[in-house]
PDB file of N, CA and C in Angstrom:
ATOM      1  N   MET A   1      15.468  -4.459   7.934  1.00  0.00           N
ATOM      2  CA  MET A   1      14.427  -5.049   7.081  1.00  0.00           C
ATOM      3  C   MET A   1      14.583  -4.386   5.679  1.00  0.00           C
ATOM      4  N   LYS A   2      14.724  -5.216   4.619  1.00  0.00           N
ATOM      5  CA  LYS A   2      14.925  -4.685   3.244  1.00  0.00           C
ATOM      6  C   LYS A   2      13.678  -5.024   2.439  1.00  0.00           C
ATOM      7  N   PHE A   3      13.354  -4.031   1.596  1.00  0.00           N
ATOM      8  CA  PHE A   3      12.150  -4.176   0.686  1.00  0.00           C
ATOM      9  C   PHE A   3      12.580  -3.868  -0.672  1.00  0.00           C
ATOM     10  N   GLU A   4      11.797  -4.425  -1.637  1.00  0.00           N
ATOM     11  CA  GLU A   4      12.043  -4.102  -3.091  1.00  0.00           C
ATOM     12  C   GLU A   4      10.688  -3.903  -3.738  1.00  0.00           C
ATOM     13  N   LEU A   5      10.647  -2.830  -4.507  1.00  0.00           N
ATOM     14  CA  LEU A   5       9.364  -2.490  -5.267  1.00  0.00           C
ATOM     15  C   LEU A   5       9.472  -3.353  -6.506  1.00  0.00           C
ATOM     16  N   ILE A   6       8.537  -4.331  -6.669  1.00  0.00           N
ATOM     17  CA  ILE A   6       8.545  -5.153  -7.807  1.00  0.00           C
ATOM     18  C   ILE A   6       7.838  -4.453  -8.978  1.00  0.00           C
ATOM     19  N   GLY A   7       6.684  -3.753  -8.780  1.00  0.00           N
ATOM     20  CA  GLY A   7       6.053  -3.169  -9.788  1.00  0.00           C
ATOM     21  C   GLY A   7       4.919  -2.207  -9.350  1.00  0.00           C
ATOM     22  N   PHE A   8       4.645  -1.275 -10.230  1.00  0.00           N
ATOM     23  CA  PHE A   8       3.460  -0.321 -10.040  1.00  0.00           C
ATOM     24  C   PHE A   8       2.553  -0.713 -11.259  1.00  0.00           C
ATOM     25  N   TYR A   9       1.330  -0.956 -10.927  1.00  0.00           N
ATOM     26  CA  TYR A   9       0.312  -1.311 -11.957  1.00  0.00           C
ATOM     27  C   TYR A   9      -0.741  -0.162 -11.983  1.00  0.00           C
ATOM     28  N   GLY A  10      -0.688   0.682 -13.071  1.00  0.00           N
ATOM     29  CA  GLY A  10      -1.635   1.768 -13.146  1.00  0.00           C
ATOM     30  C   GLY A  10      -3.015   1.314 -13.338  1.00  0.00           C
ATOM     31  N   ALA A  11      -3.972   2.093 -12.765  1.00  0.00           N
ATOM     32  CA  ALA A  11      -5.395   1.832 -12.843  1.00  0.00           C
ATOM     33  C   ALA A  11      -5.904   2.199 -14.263  1.00  0.00           C
ATOM     34  N   SER A  12      -6.899   1.439 -14.652  1.00  0.00           N
ATOM     35  CA  SER A  12      -7.608   1.695 -15.931  1.00  0.00           C
ATOM     36  C   SER A  12      -8.427   2.926 -15.785  1.00  0.00           C
ATOM     37  N   GLU A  13      -8.885   3.493 -16.880  1.00  0.00           N
ATOM     38  CA  GLU A  13      -9.800   4.599 -16.814  1.00  0.00           C
ATOM     39  C   GLU A  13     -11.080   4.244 -16.043  1.00  0.00           C
ATOM     40  N   GLU A  14     -11.605   3.043 -16.331  1.00  0.00           N
ATOM     41  CA  GLU A  14     -12.802   2.530 -15.661  1.00  0.00           C
ATOM     42  C   GLU A  14     -12.637   2.417 -14.189  1.00  0.00           C
ATOM     43  N   GLN A  15     -11.466   1.946 -13.751  1.00  0.00           N
ATOM     44  CA  GLN A  15     -11.211   1.827 -12.323  1.00  0.00           C
ATOM     45  C   GLN A  15     -11.046   3.241 -11.704  1.00  0.00           C
ATOM     46  N   LYS A  16     -10.451   4.196 -12.375  1.00  0.00           N
ATOM     47  CA  LYS A  16     -10.287   5.531 -11.845  1.00  0.00           C
ATOM     48  C   LYS A  16     -11.687   6.247 -11.698  1.00  0.00           C
ATOM     49  N   LYS A  17     -12.646   5.982 -12.546  1.00  0.00           N
ATOM     50  CA  LYS A  17     -13.978   6.457 -12.438  1.00  0.00           C
ATOM     51  C   LYS A  17     -14.671   5.939 -11.145  1.00  0.00           C
ATOM     52  N   LYS A  18     -14.431   4.630 -10.822  1.00  0.00           N
ATOM     53  CA  LYS A  18     -15.080   4.041  -9.681  1.00  0.00           C
ATOM     54  C   LYS A  18     -14.437   4.479  -8.343  1.00  0.00           C
ATOM     55  N   ARG A  19     -13.111   4.650  -8.372  1.00  0.00           N
ATOM     56  CA  ARG A  19     -12.346   4.951  -7.155  1.00  0.00           C
ATOM     57  C   ARG A  19     -11.635   6.355  -7.371  1.00  0.00           C
ATOM     58  N   LYS A  20     -12.220   7.394  -6.829  1.00  0.00           N
ATOM     59  CA  LYS A  20     -11.694   8.751  -7.055  1.00  0.00           C
ATOM     60  C   LYS A  20     -10.229   8.809  -6.523  1.00  0.00           C
ATOM     61  N   ASN A  21      -9.383   9.376  -7.337  1.00  0.00           N
ATOM     62  CA  ASN A  21      -7.951   9.594  -7.005  1.00  0.00           C
ATOM     63  C   ASN A  21      -7.105   8.360  -7.000  1.00  0.00           C
ATOM     64  N   LEU A  22      -7.572   7.238  -7.507  1.00  0.00           N
ATOM     65  CA  LEU A  22      -6.809   6.049  -7.559  1.00  0.00           C
ATOM     66  C   LEU A  22      -5.791   6.083  -8.655  1.00  0.00           C
ATOM     67  N   LEU A  23      -4.508   5.828  -8.304  1.00  0.00           N
ATOM     68  CA  LEU A  23      -3.510   5.767  -9.367  1.00  0.00           C
ATOM     69  C   LEU A  23      -3.201   4.292  -9.834  1.00  0.00           C
ATOM     70  N   GLY A  24      -3.332   3.395  -8.903  1.00  0.00           N
ATOM     71  CA  GLY A  24      -3.041   1.937  -9.234  1.00  0.00           C
ATOM     72  C   GLY A  24      -2.718   1.223  -7.964  1.00  0.00           C
ATOM     73  N   THR A  25      -1.977   0.154  -8.131  1.00  0.00           N
ATOM     74  CA  THR A  25      -1.506  -0.685  -7.008  1.00  0.00           C
ATOM     75  C   THR A  25      -0.088  -0.954  -7.188  1.00  0.00           C
ATOM     76  N   ILE A  26       0.606  -1.403  -6.043  1.00  0.00           N
ATOM     77  CA  ILE A  26       1.993  -1.714  -6.096  1.00  0.00           C
ATOM     78  C   ILE A  26       2.176  -3.163  -5.507  1.00  0.00           C
ATOM     79  N   HIS A  27       3.284  -3.711  -6.017  1.00  0.00           N
ATOM     80  CA  HIS A  27       3.638  -5.020  -5.528  1.00  0.00           C
ATOM     81  C   HIS A  27       5.101  -4.881  -4.930  1.00  0.00           C
ATOM     82  N   VAL A  28       5.148  -5.227  -3.604  1.00  0.00           N
ATOM     83  CA  VAL A  28       6.442  -5.071  -2.874  1.00  0.00           C
ATOM     84  C   VAL A  28       6.879  -6.473  -2.406  1.00  0.00           C
ATOM     85  N   TYR A  29       8.164  -6.631  -2.379  1.00  0.00           N
ATOM     86  CA  TYR A  29       8.749  -7.923  -1.801  1.00  0.00           C
ATOM     87  C   TYR A  29       9.564  -7.483  -0.524  1.00  0.00           C
ATOM     88  N   CYS A  30       9.267  -8.214   0.553  1.00  0.00           N
ATOM     89  CA  CYS A  30      10.079  -8.033   1.806  1.00  0.00           C
ATOM     90  C   CYS A  30      11.134  -9.089   1.746  1.00  0.00           C
ATOM     91  N   ILE A  31      12.354  -8.674   1.473  1.00  0.00           N
ATOM     92  CA  ILE A  31      13.487  -9.590   1.303  1.00  0.00           C
ATOM     93  C   ILE A  31      13.760 -10.414   2.594  1.00  0.00           C
ATOM     94  N   ASP A  32      13.903  -9.748   3.705  1.00  0.00           N
ATOM     95  CA  ASP A  32      14.245 -10.410   4.932  1.00  0.00           C
ATOM     96  C   ASP A  32      13.227 -11.423   5.529  1.00  0.00           C
ATOM     97  N   ALA A  33      11.930 -11.256   5.150  1.00  0.00           N
ATOM     98  CA  ALA A  33      10.863 -12.105   5.651  1.00  0.00           C
ATOM     99  C   ALA A  33      10.382 -12.967   4.566  1.00  0.00           C
ATOM    100  N   ASP A  34      11.027 -12.955   3.284  1.00  0.00           N
ATOM    101  CA  ASP A  34      10.593 -13.771   2.164  1.00  0.00           C
ATOM    102  C   ASP A  34       9.061 -13.606   2.037  1.00  0.00           C
ATOM    103  N   LEU A  35       8.556 -12.348   1.962  1.00  0.00           N
ATOM    104  CA  LEU A  35       7.198 -12.036   2.005  1.00  0.00           C
ATOM    105  C   LEU A  35       6.826 -11.222   0.731  1.00  0.00           C
ATOM    106  N   ASP A  36       5.793 -11.713  -0.006  1.00  0.00           N
ATOM    107  CA  ASP A  36       5.369 -11.043  -1.212  1.00  0.00           C
ATOM    108  C   ASP A  36       4.086 -10.315  -0.894  1.00  0.00           C
ATOM    109  N   ILE A  37       4.034  -9.009  -1.080  1.00  0.00           N
ATOM    110  CA  ILE A  37       2.881  -8.103  -0.710  1.00  0.00           C
ATOM    111  C   ILE A  37       2.335  -7.488  -1.931  1.00  0.00           C
ATOM    112  N   ARG A  38       1.075  -7.772  -2.223  1.00  0.00           N
ATOM    113  CA  ARG A  38       0.447  -7.263  -3.368  1.00  0.00           C
ATOM    114  C   ARG A  38      -0.857  -6.552  -3.025  1.00  0.00           C
ATOM    115  N   GLY A  39      -1.321  -5.754  -3.937  1.00  0.00           N
ATOM    116  CA  GLY A  39      -2.567  -5.064  -3.761  1.00  0.00           C
ATOM    117  C   GLY A  39      -2.681  -3.785  -2.883  1.00  0.00           C
ATOM    118  N   ILE A  40      -1.457  -3.185  -2.715  1.00  0.00           N
ATOM    119  CA  ILE A  40      -1.431  -1.939  -1.948  1.00  0.00           C
ATOM    120  C   ILE A  40      -1.877  -0.841  -2.910  1.00  0.00           C
ATOM    121  N   GLN A  41      -3.079  -0.243  -2.582  1.00  0.00           N
ATOM    122  CA  GLN A  41      -3.623   0.746  -3.393  1.00  0.00           C
ATOM    123  C   GLN A  41      -2.892   2.135  -3.250  1.00  0.00           C
ATOM    124  N   VAL A  42      -2.695   2.828  -4.332  1.00  0.00           N
ATOM    125  CA  VAL A  42      -1.996   4.085  -4.330  1.00  0.00           C
ATOM    126  C   VAL A  42      -3.006   5.190  -4.744  1.00  0.00           C
ATOM    127  N   PHE A  43      -3.188   6.215  -3.951  1.00  0.00           N
ATOM    128  CA  PHE A  43      -4.096   7.324  -4.227  1.00  0.00           C
ATOM    129  C   PHE A  43      -3.255   8.621  -4.245  1.00  0.00           C
ATOM    130  N   LYS A  44      -3.755   9.602  -5.061  1.00  0.00           N
ATOM    131  CA  LYS A  44      -3.189  10.931  -4.951  1.00  0.00           C
ATOM    132  C   LYS A  44      -4.310  11.930  -4.864  1.00  0.00           C
ATOM    133  N   THR A  45      -4.109  12.795  -3.862  1.00  0.00           N
ATOM    134  CA  THR A  45      -5.090  13.990  -3.619  1.00  0.00           C
ATOM    135  C   THR A  45      -4.187  15.200  -3.604  1.00  0.00           C
ATOM    136  N   ASN A  46      -4.478  16.138  -4.502  1.00  0.00           N
ATOM    137  CA  ASN A  46      -3.744  17.378  -4.650  1.00  0.00           C
ATOM    138  C   ASN A  46      -2.278  17.090  -4.778  1.00  0.00           C
ATOM    139  N   SER A  47      -1.472  17.435  -3.826  1.00  0.00           N
ATOM    140  CA  SER A  47      -0.034  17.177  -3.943  1.00  0.00           C
ATOM    141  C   SER A  47       0.442  16.042  -3.032  1.00  0.00           C
ATOM    142  N   SER A  48      -0.551  15.289  -2.460  1.00  0.00           N
ATOM    143  CA  SER A  48      -0.205  14.214  -1.485  1.00  0.00           C
ATOM    144  C   SER A  48      -0.507  12.859  -2.123  1.00  0.00           C
ATOM    145  N   MET A  49       0.437  11.923  -1.916  1.00  0.00           N
ATOM    146  CA  MET A  49       0.227  10.550  -2.269  1.00  0.00           C
ATOM    147  C   MET A  49       0.097   9.674  -1.063  1.00  0.00           C
ATOM    148  N   PHE A  50      -0.905   8.725  -0.989  1.00  0.00           N
ATOM    149  CA  PHE A  50      -0.984   7.807   0.131  1.00  0.00           C
ATOM    150  C   PHE A  50      -1.212   6.455  -0.311  1.00  0.00           C
ATOM    151  N   PHE A  51      -0.988   5.513   0.622  1.00  0.00           N
ATOM    152  CA  PHE A  51      -1.044   4.082   0.313  1.00  0.00           C
ATOM    153  C   PHE A  51      -2.070   3.410   1.236  1.00  0.00           C
ATOM    154  N   ALA A  52      -2.974   2.602   0.674  1.00  0.00           N
ATOM    155  CA  ALA A  52      -3.997   1.974   1.396  1.00  0.00           C
ATOM    156  C   ALA A  52      -3.654   0.418   1.432  1.00  0.00           C
ATOM    157  N   MET A  53      -3.349  -0.118   2.577  1.00  0.00           N
ATOM    158  CA  MET A  53      -3.030  -1.505   2.682  1.00  0.00           C
ATOM    159  C   MET A  53      -4.332  -2.350   2.493  1.00  0.00           C
ATOM    160  N   PRO A  54      -4.102  -3.537   1.847  1.00  0.00           N
ATOM    161  CA  PRO A  54      -5.282  -4.392   1.787  1.00  0.00           C
ATOM    162  C   PRO A  54      -5.868  -4.691   3.172  1.00  0.00           C
ATOM    163  N   HIS A  55      -7.126  -4.793   3.277  1.00  0.00           N
ATOM    164  CA  HIS A  55      -7.693  -4.947   4.674  1.00  0.00           C
ATOM    165  C   HIS A  55      -9.139  -5.701   4.554  1.00  0.00           C
ATOM    166  N   PHE A  56      -9.680  -6.069   5.689  1.00  0.00           N
ATOM    167  CA  PHE A  56     -10.908  -6.713   5.711  1.00  0.00           C
ATOM    168  C   PHE A  56     -11.731  -6.130   6.966  1.00  0.00           C
ATOM    169  N   ARG A  57     -12.995  -6.337   6.779  1.00  0.00           N
ATOM    170  CA  ARG A  57     -13.907  -5.790   7.861  1.00  0.00           C
ATOM    171  C   ARG A  57     -14.376  -7.060   8.672  1.00  0.00           C
ATOM    172  N   ALA A  58     -14.477  -6.738  10.035  1.00  0.00           N
ATOM    173  CA  ALA A  58     -14.841  -7.869  10.930  1.00  0.00           C
ATOM    174  C   ALA A  58     -15.583  -7.270  12.108  1.00  0.00           C
ATOM    175  N   ILE A  59     -15.901  -8.146  13.076  1.00  0.00           N
ATOM    176  CA  ILE A  59     -16.510  -7.686  14.347  1.00  0.00           C
ATOM    177  C   ILE A  59     -15.536  -8.073  15.443  1.00  0.00           C
ATOM    178  N   ASP A  60     -15.280  -7.066  16.265  1.00  0.00           N
ATOM    179  CA  ASP A  60     -14.372  -7.303  17.424  1.00  0.00           C
ATOM    180  C   ASP A  60     -15.007  -8.036  18.514  1.00  0.00           C
ATOM    181  N   GLU A  61     -14.279  -8.238  19.704  1.00  0.00           N
ATOM    182  CA  GLU A  61     -14.819  -9.060  20.858  1.00  0.00           C
ATOM    183  C   GLU A  61     -15.973  -8.325  21.532  1.00  0.00           C
ATOM    184  N   ASP A  62     -16.114  -6.956  21.272  1.00  0.00           N
ATOM    185  CA  ASP A  62     -17.252  -6.227  21.880  1.00  0.00           C
ATOM    186  C   ASP A  62     -18.420  -6.085  20.968  1.00  0.00           C
ATOM    187  N   GLY A  63     -18.353  -6.664  19.747  1.00  0.00           N
ATOM    188  CA  GLY A  63     -19.395  -6.617  18.868  1.00  0.00           C
ATOM    189  C   GLY A  63     -19.320  -5.378  17.973  1.00  0.00           C
ATOM    190  N   ASN A  64     -18.262  -4.645  17.955  1.00  0.00           N
ATOM    191  CA  ASN A  64     -18.145  -3.399  17.112  1.00  0.00           C
ATOM    192  C   ASN A  64     -17.531  -3.758  15.704  1.00  0.00           C
ATOM    193  N   LYS A  65     -17.991  -3.092  14.710  1.00  0.00           N
ATOM    194  CA  LYS A  65     -17.454  -3.274  13.376  1.00  0.00           C
ATOM    195  C   LYS A  65     -16.055  -2.657  13.306  1.00  0.00           C
ATOM    196  N   VAL A  66     -15.078  -3.421  12.839  1.00  0.00           N
ATOM    197  CA  VAL A  66     -13.704  -2.943  12.763  1.00  0.00           C
ATOM    198  C   VAL A  66     -13.071  -3.322  11.376  1.00  0.00           C
ATOM    199  N   THR A  67     -11.950  -2.595  11.077  1.00  0.00           N
ATOM    200  CA  THR A  67     -11.233  -2.951   9.874  1.00  0.00           C
ATOM    201  C   THR A  67      -9.773  -3.358  10.282  1.00  0.00           C
ATOM    202  N   TYR A  68      -9.400  -4.472   9.817  1.00  0.00           N
ATOM    203  CA  TYR A  68      -8.009  -4.994  10.073  1.00  0.00           C
ATOM    204  C   TYR A  68      -7.187  -5.072   8.784  1.00  0.00           C
ATOM    205  N   PRO A  69      -5.932  -4.708   8.879  1.00  0.00           N
ATOM    206  CA  PRO A  69      -5.036  -4.855   7.678  1.00  0.00           C
ATOM    207  C   PRO A  69      -4.715  -6.330   7.509  1.00  0.00           C
ATOM    208  N   HIS A  70      -4.555  -6.780   6.268  1.00  0.00           N
ATOM    209  CA  HIS A  70      -4.208  -8.167   6.023  1.00  0.00           C
ATOM    210  C   HIS A  70      -2.797  -8.430   6.495  1.00  0.00           C
ATOM    211  N   LEU A  71      -1.959  -7.394   6.485  1.00  0.00           N
ATOM    212  CA  LEU A  71      -0.585  -7.496   6.828  1.00  0.00           C
ATOM    213  C   LEU A  71      -0.079  -6.383   7.785  1.00  0.00           C
ATOM    214  N   ARG A  72       0.559  -6.738   8.882  1.00  0.00           N
ATOM    215  CA  ARG A  72       1.169  -5.763   9.705  1.00  0.00           C
ATOM    216  C   ARG A  72       2.279  -6.474  10.407  1.00  0.00           C
ATOM    217  N   PHE A  73       3.468  -5.829  10.446  1.00  0.00           N
ATOM    218  CA  PHE A  73       4.624  -6.444  11.095  1.00  0.00           C
ATOM    219  C   PHE A  73       4.390  -6.290  12.645  1.00  0.00           C
ATOM    220  N   THR A  74       4.609  -7.273  13.392  1.00  0.00           N
ATOM    221  CA  THR A  74       4.464  -7.236  14.832  1.00  0.00           C
ATOM    222  C   THR A  74       5.498  -6.313  15.538  1.00  0.00           C
ATOM    223  N   ASP A  75       6.703  -6.245  14.904  1.00  0.00           N
ATOM    224  CA  ASP A  75       7.778  -5.414  15.397  1.00  0.00           C
ATOM    225  C   ASP A  75       7.477  -3.932  14.857  1.00  0.00           C
ATOM    226  N   LYS A  76       7.243  -2.993  15.750  1.00  0.00           N
ATOM    227  CA  LYS A  76       6.937  -1.641  15.382  1.00  0.00           C
ATOM    228  C   LYS A  76       7.968  -0.965  14.576  1.00  0.00           C
ATOM    229  N   ILE A  77       9.257  -1.351  14.749  1.00  0.00           N
ATOM    230  CA  ILE A  77      10.324  -0.832  13.993  1.00  0.00           C
ATOM    231  C   ILE A  77      10.285  -1.260  12.546  1.00  0.00           C
ATOM    232  N   ASN A  78       9.986  -2.573  12.305  1.00  0.00           N
ATOM    233  CA  ASN A  78       9.874  -3.098  10.974  1.00  0.00           C
ATOM    234  C   ASN A  78       8.607  -2.522  10.224  1.00  0.00           C
ATOM    235  N   GLN A  79       7.575  -2.339  10.998  1.00  0.00           N
ATOM    236  CA  GLN A  79       6.375  -1.703  10.414  1.00  0.00           C
ATOM    237  C   GLN A  79       6.686  -0.251   9.967  1.00  0.00           C
ATOM    238  N   LYS A  80       7.407   0.448  10.793  1.00  0.00           N
ATOM    239  CA  LYS A  80       7.811   1.842  10.432  1.00  0.00           C
ATOM    240  C   LYS A  80       8.683   1.808   9.219  1.00  0.00           C
ATOM    241  N   LYS A  81       9.680   0.866   9.157  1.00  0.00           N
ATOM    242  CA  LYS A  81      10.573   0.789   8.066  1.00  0.00           C
ATOM    243  C   LYS A  81       9.791   0.490   6.705  1.00  0.00           C
ATOM    244  N   PHE A  82       8.689  -0.370   6.830  1.00  0.00           N
ATOM    245  CA  PHE A  82       7.933  -0.675   5.699  1.00  0.00           C
ATOM    246  C   PHE A  82       7.145   0.583   5.213  1.00  0.00           C
ATOM    247  N   MET A  83       6.555   1.274   6.079  1.00  0.00           N
ATOM    248  CA  MET A  83       5.855   2.526   5.761  1.00  0.00           C
ATOM    249  C   MET A  83       6.743   3.573   5.209  1.00  0.00           C
ATOM    250  N   CYS A  84       7.893   3.700   5.747  1.00  0.00           N
ATOM    251  CA  CYS A  84       8.903   4.682   5.210  1.00  0.00           C
ATOM    252  C   CYS A  84       9.341   4.326   3.791  1.00  0.00           C
ATOM    253  N   PHE A  85       9.533   2.975   3.577  1.00  0.00           N
ATOM    254  CA  PHE A  85       9.836   2.500   2.230  1.00  0.00           C
ATOM    255  C   PHE A  85       8.780   2.888   1.282  1.00  0.00           C
ATOM    256  N   LEU A  86       7.495   2.760   1.587  1.00  0.00           N
ATOM    257  CA  LEU A  86       6.386   3.128   0.730  1.00  0.00           C
ATOM    258  C   LEU A  86       6.463   4.548   0.384  1.00  0.00           C
ATOM    259  N   HIS A  87       6.593   5.431   1.433  1.00  0.00           N
ATOM    260  CA  HIS A  87       6.565   6.865   1.243  1.00  0.00           C
ATOM    261  C   HIS A  87       7.911   7.491   0.642  1.00  0.00           C
ATOM    262  N   GLU A  88       8.954   6.920   0.995  1.00  0.00           N
ATOM    263  CA  GLU A  88      10.249   7.427   0.452  1.00  0.00           C
ATOM    264  C   GLU A  88      10.682   6.843  -0.911  1.00  0.00           C
ATOM    265  N   VAL A  89      10.581   5.598  -1.073  1.00  0.00           N
ATOM    266  CA  VAL A  89      11.075   4.917  -2.293  1.00  0.00           C
ATOM    267  C   VAL A  89       9.991   4.741  -3.352  1.00  0.00           C
ATOM    268  N   CYS A  90       8.943   4.070  -2.872  1.00  0.00           N
ATOM    269  CA  CYS A  90       7.822   3.791  -3.891  1.00  0.00           C
ATOM    270  C   CYS A  90       7.215   5.101  -4.448  1.00  0.00           C
ATOM    271  N   LYS A  91       6.965   6.097  -3.647  1.00  0.00           N
ATOM    272  CA  LYS A  91       6.421   7.368  -4.135  1.00  0.00           C
ATOM    273  C   LYS A  91       7.236   7.945  -5.201  1.00  0.00           C
ATOM    274  N   LYS A  92       8.551   8.045  -5.056  1.00  0.00           N
ATOM    275  CA  LYS A  92       9.378   8.569  -6.055  1.00  0.00           C
ATOM    276  C   LYS A  92       9.371   7.789  -7.362  1.00  0.00           C
ATOM    277  N   LYS A  93       9.359   6.503  -7.286  1.00  0.00           N
ATOM    278  CA  LYS A  93       9.293   5.675  -8.518  1.00  0.00           C
ATOM    279  C   LYS A  93       8.002   5.773  -9.197  1.00  0.00           C
ATOM    280  N   ILE A  94       6.936   5.874  -8.436  1.00  0.00           N
ATOM    281  CA  ILE A  94       5.579   6.044  -9.062  1.00  0.00           C
ATOM    282  C   ILE A  94       5.468   7.364  -9.746  1.00  0.00           C
ATOM    283  N   GLU A  95       5.909   8.434  -9.068  1.00  0.00           N
ATOM    284  CA  GLU A  95       5.867   9.768  -9.669  1.00  0.00           C
ATOM    285  C   GLU A  95       6.717   9.872 -10.991  1.00  0.00           C
ATOM    286  N   LYS A  96       7.879   9.167 -10.993  1.00  0.00           N
ATOM    287  CA  LYS A  96       8.698   9.115 -12.173  1.00  0.00           C
ATOM    288  C   LYS A  96       8.022   8.361 -13.304  1.00  0.00           C
ATOM    289  N   GLU A  97       7.308   7.224 -12.960  1.00  0.00           N
ATOM    290  CA  GLU A  97       6.728   6.417 -13.947  1.00  0.00           C
ATOM    291  C   GLU A  97       5.441   7.102 -14.587  1.00  0.00           C
ATOM    292  N   LEU A  98       4.768   7.903 -13.726  1.00  0.00           N
ATOM    293  CA  LEU A  98       3.573   8.674 -14.194  1.00  0.00           C
ATOM    294  C   LEU A  98       3.921   9.820 -15.100  1.00  0.00           C
ATOM    295  N   LYS A  99       5.090  10.313 -15.100  1.00  0.00           N
ATOM    296  CA  LYS A  99       5.459  11.539 -15.959  1.00  0.00           C
ATOM    297  C   LYS A  99       5.543  11.202 -17.374  1.00  0.00           C
TER     298      LYS A  99
END
């Protein structure tokens, strides 16, 4: 599975005040699946950067409140490749852009 980072969009000062540690969002293209993924939030705490996938809240079959991601690869290997791409490739490019 191949991915491409299309862009990093830095958060405005107003957005940073509302969402503590928010750096911005990224736009990723999944080449093999012809899939355009937008709105992945990027946060930084101390020396760690993490990515929050777009998600929604719902109620499961037992009536419990749950949170589901808008996107998840059904193949665990592809999901892992996607997360590795975020942490290994996107993180470096974002850090370089923020310097």
